[in-house]
Amino acid sequence: MGILQDILSPASGVIGPVVTKLLNFIPDPTARAQAEAAAYKEAADRIQQLDLAQLEVNRAEAGNNSVFVAGWRPFIGWVCGAALAYQYIAMPLLVWVAGLAAGHAVIQPPKLDDQLTTILLGMLGLGGLRTLEKVKGVK
């Protein structure tokens, strides 16, 4: 329950402090521990219900014949991919070639900046999590 305990921890915001204050009203340590376990189980069950509901929405969207319903996620992926290609490949190379064609002194070719690395590592992390899900049999 590590993730759930992080969500419900007193430092996480609203839920943790409320649970902690309510549990402080239970004087018996055994009863308090049982109530805490029940609260974590209830929270985990609610989170799982929300996840399952979202999976059903995703399944319905993906199975729809309309490109406006089933195709929005691939569209966003292609738009973001095209924007990244333009921002980090096409535009710097076009500016470099235009500078060379205009007769400027030898211009350094463009370099990739740290933002691309941040985006790439984030995408690889998300992809890695999906791979872990597939290995564990999550659909």
C-alpha atoms as a PDB file:
ATOM      1  CA  MET A   1       0.000   0.000   0.000  1.00  0.00           C
ATOM      2  CA  GLY A   2       2.944   2.349  -0.504  1.00  0.00           C
ATOM      3  CA  ILE A   3       1.303   4.573  -3.126  1.00  0.00           C
ATOM      4  CA  LEU A   4      -1.985   4.666  -1.257  1.00  0.00           C
ATOM      5  CA  GLN A   5      -0.229   5.533   1.982  1.00  0.00           C
ATOM      6  CA  ASP A   6       1.533   8.355   0.126  1.00  0.00           C
ATOM      7  CA  ILE A   7      -1.836   9.648  -1.096  1.00  0.00           C
ATOM      8  CA  LEU A   8      -3.390   9.436   2.352  1.00  0.00           C
ATOM      9  CA  SER A   9      -0.360  10.623   4.298  1.00  0.00           C
ATOM     10  CA  PRO A  10      -0.715  13.769   6.431  1.00  0.00           C
ATOM     11  CA  ALA A  11       1.795  15.580   4.212  1.00  0.00           C
ATOM     12  CA  SER A  12      -0.204  14.923   1.035  1.00  0.00           C
ATOM     13  CA  GLY A  13      -2.905  17.522   1.506  1.00  0.00           C
ATOM     14  CA  VAL A  14      -6.499  17.134   2.605  1.00  0.00           C
ATOM     15  CA  ILE A  15      -7.277  13.418   2.902  1.00  0.00           C
ATOM     16  CA  GLY A  16      -4.345  12.395   5.098  1.00  0.00           C
ATOM     17  CA  PRO A  17      -4.895  14.992   7.847  1.00  0.00           C
ATOM     18  CA  VAL A  18      -8.627  14.201   7.981  1.00  0.00           C
ATOM     19  CA  VAL A  19      -7.971  10.475   8.359  1.00  0.00           C
ATOM     20  CA  THR A  20      -5.288  11.147  10.979  1.00  0.00           C
ATOM     21  CA  LYS A  21      -7.575  13.423  13.023  1.00  0.00           C
ATOM     22  CA  LEU A  22     -10.421  10.926  12.885  1.00  0.00           C
ATOM     23  CA  LEU A  23      -8.145   8.085  13.935  1.00  0.00           C
ATOM     24  CA  ASN A  24      -6.928  10.144  16.909  1.00  0.00           C
ATOM     25  CA  PHE A  25     -10.455   9.891  18.371  1.00  0.00           C
ATOM     26  CA  ILE A  26     -10.011   6.129  18.775  1.00  0.00           C
ATOM     27  CA  PRO A  27      -8.195   5.554  22.084  1.00  0.00           C
ATOM     28  CA  ASP A  28      -7.543   1.800  21.713  1.00  0.00           C
ATOM     29  CA  PRO A  29      -4.378   1.249  19.593  1.00  0.00           C
ATOM     30  CA  THR A  30      -5.691  -2.057  18.210  1.00  0.00           C
ATOM     31  CA  ALA A  31      -9.016  -0.528  17.197  1.00  0.00           C
ATOM     32  CA  ARG A  32      -7.161   2.468  15.721  1.00  0.00           C
ATOM     33  CA  ALA A  33      -4.956   0.152  13.629  1.00  0.00           C
ATOM     34  CA  GLN A  34      -8.025  -1.751  12.428  1.00  0.00           C
ATOM     35  CA  ALA A  35      -9.807   1.498  11.528  1.00  0.00           C
ATOM     36  CA  GLU A  36      -6.725   2.738   9.686  1.00  0.00           C
ATOM     37  CA  ALA A  37      -6.487  -0.505   7.715  1.00  0.00           C
ATOM     38  CA  ALA A  38     -10.195  -0.273   6.889  1.00  0.00           C
ATOM     39  CA  ALA A  39      -9.779   3.335   5.725  1.00  0.00           C
ATOM     40  CA  TYR A  40      -6.872   2.381   3.445  1.00  0.00           C
ATOM     41  CA  LYS A  41      -8.841  -0.584   2.065  1.00  0.00           C
ATOM     42  CA  GLU A  42     -11.882   1.604   1.390  1.00  0.00           C
ATOM     43  CA  ALA A  43      -9.718   4.217  -0.340  1.00  0.00           C
ATOM     44  CA  ALA A  44      -8.005   1.539  -2.432  1.00  0.00           C
ATOM     45  CA  ASP A  45     -11.378   0.086  -3.422  1.00  0.00           C
ATOM     46  CA  ARG A  46     -12.669   3.532  -4.454  1.00  0.00           C
ATOM     47  CA  ILE A  47      -9.530   4.245  -6.487  1.00  0.00           C
ATOM     48  CA  GLN A  48      -9.825   0.862  -8.175  1.00  0.00           C
ATOM     49  CA  GLN A  49     -13.481   1.561  -9.044  1.00  0.00           C
ATOM     50  CA  LEU A  50     -12.483   4.889 -10.601  1.00  0.00           C
ATOM     51  CA  ASP A  51      -9.703   3.200 -12.592  1.00  0.00           C
ATOM     52  CA  LEU A  52     -12.091   0.520 -13.864  1.00  0.00           C
ATOM     53  CA  ALA A  53     -14.643   3.157 -14.864  1.00  0.00           C
ATOM     54  CA  GLN A  54     -11.948   5.048 -16.807  1.00  0.00           C
ATOM     55  CA  LEU A  55     -10.901   1.807 -18.531  1.00  0.00           C
ATOM     56  CA  GLU A  56     -14.491   1.310 -19.688  1.00  0.00           C
ATOM     57  CA  VAL A  57     -14.594   4.843 -21.090  1.00  0.00           C
ATOM     58  CA  ASN A  58     -11.282   4.237 -22.878  1.00  0.00           C
ATOM     59  CA  ARG A  59     -12.563   0.930 -24.287  1.00  0.00           C
ATOM     60  CA  ALA A  60     -15.775   2.565 -25.553  1.00  0.00           C
ATOM     61  CA  GLU A  61     -13.803   5.412 -27.169  1.00  0.00           C
ATOM     62  CA  ALA A  62     -11.355   3.047 -28.850  1.00  0.00           C
ATOM     63  CA  GLY A  63     -14.158   0.848 -30.235  1.00  0.00           C
ATOM     64  CA  ASN A  64     -16.123   3.729 -31.734  1.00  0.00           C
ATOM     65  CA  ASN A  65     -16.269   3.947 -35.553  1.00  0.00           C
ATOM     66  CA  SER A  66     -16.122   7.743 -35.571  1.00  0.00           C
ATOM     67  CA  VAL A  67     -12.668   9.179 -36.125  1.00  0.00           C
ATOM     68  CA  PHE A  68     -13.648  12.100 -33.875  1.00  0.00           C
ATOM     69  CA  VAL A  69     -14.198   9.760 -30.920  1.00  0.00           C
ATOM     70  CA  ALA A  70     -11.653   6.968 -31.449  1.00  0.00           C
ATOM     71  CA  GLY A  71      -9.057   9.029 -33.257  1.00  0.00           C
ATOM     72  CA  TRP A  72      -8.417  11.930 -30.917  1.00  0.00           C
ATOM     73  CA  ARG A  73      -5.638  10.218 -28.972  1.00  0.00           C
ATOM     74  CA  PRO A  74      -3.683   9.153 -32.088  1.00  0.00           C
ATOM     75  CA  PHE A  75      -4.279  12.634 -33.528  1.00  0.00           C
ATOM     76  CA  ILE A  76      -2.761  14.258 -30.433  1.00  0.00           C
ATOM     77  CA  GLY A  77       0.162  11.845 -30.637  1.00  0.00           C
ATOM     78  CA  TRP A  78       0.811  12.683 -34.303  1.00  0.00           C
ATOM     79  CA  VAL A  79       0.427  16.424 -33.726  1.00  0.00           C
ATOM     80  CA  CYS A  80       2.860  16.312 -30.804  1.00  0.00           C
ATOM     81  CA  GLY A  81       5.281  14.164 -32.807  1.00  0.00           C
ATOM     82  CA  ALA A  82       5.110  16.572 -35.763  1.00  0.00           C
ATOM     83  CA  ALA A  83       5.578  19.571 -33.445  1.00  0.00           C
ATOM     84  CA  LEU A  84       8.623  17.947 -31.840  1.00  0.00           C
ATOM     85  CA  ALA A  85      10.087  17.104 -35.253  1.00  0.00           C
ATOM     86  CA  TYR A  86       9.567  20.678 -36.404  1.00  0.00           C
ATOM     87  CA  GLN A  87      10.851  22.279 -33.199  1.00  0.00           C
ATOM     88  CA  TYR A  88      13.954  20.151 -32.797  1.00  0.00           C
ATOM     89  CA  ILE A  89      14.828  18.996 -36.343  1.00  0.00           C
ATOM     90  CA  ALA A  90      13.217  20.935 -39.184  1.00  0.00           C
ATOM     91  CA  MET A  91      13.325  24.507 -37.854  1.00  0.00           C
ATOM     92  CA  PRO A  92      16.946  24.450 -36.590  1.00  0.00           C
ATOM     93  CA  LEU A  93      18.138  22.846 -39.822  1.00  0.00           C
ATOM     94  CA  LEU A  94      16.157  25.312 -41.971  1.00  0.00           C
ATOM     95  CA  VAL A  95      17.598  28.260 -40.049  1.00  0.00           C
ATOM     96  CA  TRP A  96      21.093  26.798 -40.394  1.00  0.00           C
ATOM     97  CA  VAL A  97      20.722  26.157 -44.154  1.00  0.00           C
ATOM     98  CA  ALA A  98      19.207  29.642 -44.662  1.00  0.00           C
ATOM     99  CA  GLY A  99      22.184  31.159 -42.843  1.00  0.00           C
ATOM    100  CA  LEU A 100      24.625  29.244 -45.024  1.00  0.00           C
ATOM    101  CA  ALA A 101      22.730  30.174 -48.210  1.00  0.00           C
ATOM    102  CA  ALA A 102      22.720  33.849 -47.246  1.00  0.00           C
ATOM    103  CA  GLY A 103      26.502  33.845 -47.212  1.00  0.00           C
ATOM    104  CA  HIS A 104      27.052  34.224 -43.495  1.00  0.00           C
ATOM    105  CA  ALA A 105      30.299  33.020 -42.040  1.00  0.00           C
ATOM    106  CA  VAL A 106      30.468  29.330 -41.211  1.00  0.00           C
ATOM    107  CA  ILE A 107      27.648  28.697 -38.812  1.00  0.00           C
ATOM    108  CA  GLN A 108      27.683  25.915 -36.263  1.00  0.00           C
ATOM    109  CA  PRO A 109      25.059  23.256 -36.983  1.00  0.00           C
ATOM    110  CA  PRO A 110      22.170  23.256 -34.507  1.00  0.00           C
ATOM    111  CA  LYS A 111      22.471  21.357 -31.251  1.00  0.00           C
ATOM    112  CA  LEU A 112      19.745  19.592 -29.337  1.00  0.00           C
ATOM    113  CA  ASP A 113      18.851  21.330 -26.097  1.00  0.00           C
ATOM    114  CA  ASP A 114      17.952  19.904 -22.695  1.00  0.00           C
ATOM    115  CA  GLN A 115      14.209  20.262 -23.228  1.00  0.00           C
ATOM    116  CA  LEU A 116      14.171  17.465 -25.789  1.00  0.00           C
ATOM    117  CA  THR A 117      15.966  15.199 -23.346  1.00  0.00           C
ATOM    118  CA  THR A 118      13.389  15.992 -20.659  1.00  0.00           C
ATOM    119  CA  ILE A 119      10.509  15.211 -23.017  1.00  0.00           C
ATOM    120  CA  LEU A 120      12.170  12.038 -24.271  1.00  0.00           C
ATOM    121  CA  LEU A 121      12.926  10.728 -20.791  1.00  0.00           C
ATOM    122  CA  GLY A 122       9.357  11.448 -19.729  1.00  0.00           C
ATOM    123  CA  MET A 123       7.971   9.568 -22.725  1.00  0.00           C
ATOM    124  CA  LEU A 124      10.350   6.668 -22.213  1.00  0.00           C
ATOM    125  CA  GLY A 125       9.343   6.518 -18.566  1.00  0.00           C
ATOM    126  CA  LEU A 126       5.678   6.355 -19.500  1.00  0.00           C
ATOM    127  CA  GLY A 127       6.460   3.778 -22.166  1.00  0.00           C
ATOM    128  CA  GLY A 128       8.473   1.803 -19.656  1.00  0.00           C
ATOM    129  CA  LEU A 129       5.558   1.776 -17.240  1.00  0.00           C
ATOM    130  CA  ARG A 130       3.277   0.496 -20.004  1.00  0.00           C
ATOM    131  CA  THR A 131       5.813  -2.222 -20.812  1.00  0.00           C
ATOM    132  CA  LEU A 132       5.849  -3.205 -17.131  1.00  0.00           C
ATOM    133  CA  GLU A 133       2.053  -3.389 -17.198  1.00  0.00           C
ATOM    134  CA  LYS A 134       2.154  -5.647 -20.275  1.00  0.00           C
ATOM    135  CA  VAL A 135       4.731  -7.915 -18.622  1.00  0.00           C
ATOM    136  CA  LYS A 136       2.505  -8.201 -15.557  1.00  0.00           C
ATOM    137  CA  GLY A 137      -0.521  -8.979 -17.756  1.00  0.00           C
ATOM    138  CA  VAL A 138      -2.471  -5.729 -17.338  1.00  0.00           C
ATOM    139  CA  LYS A 139      -4.613  -5.049 -20.409  1.00  0.00           C
END
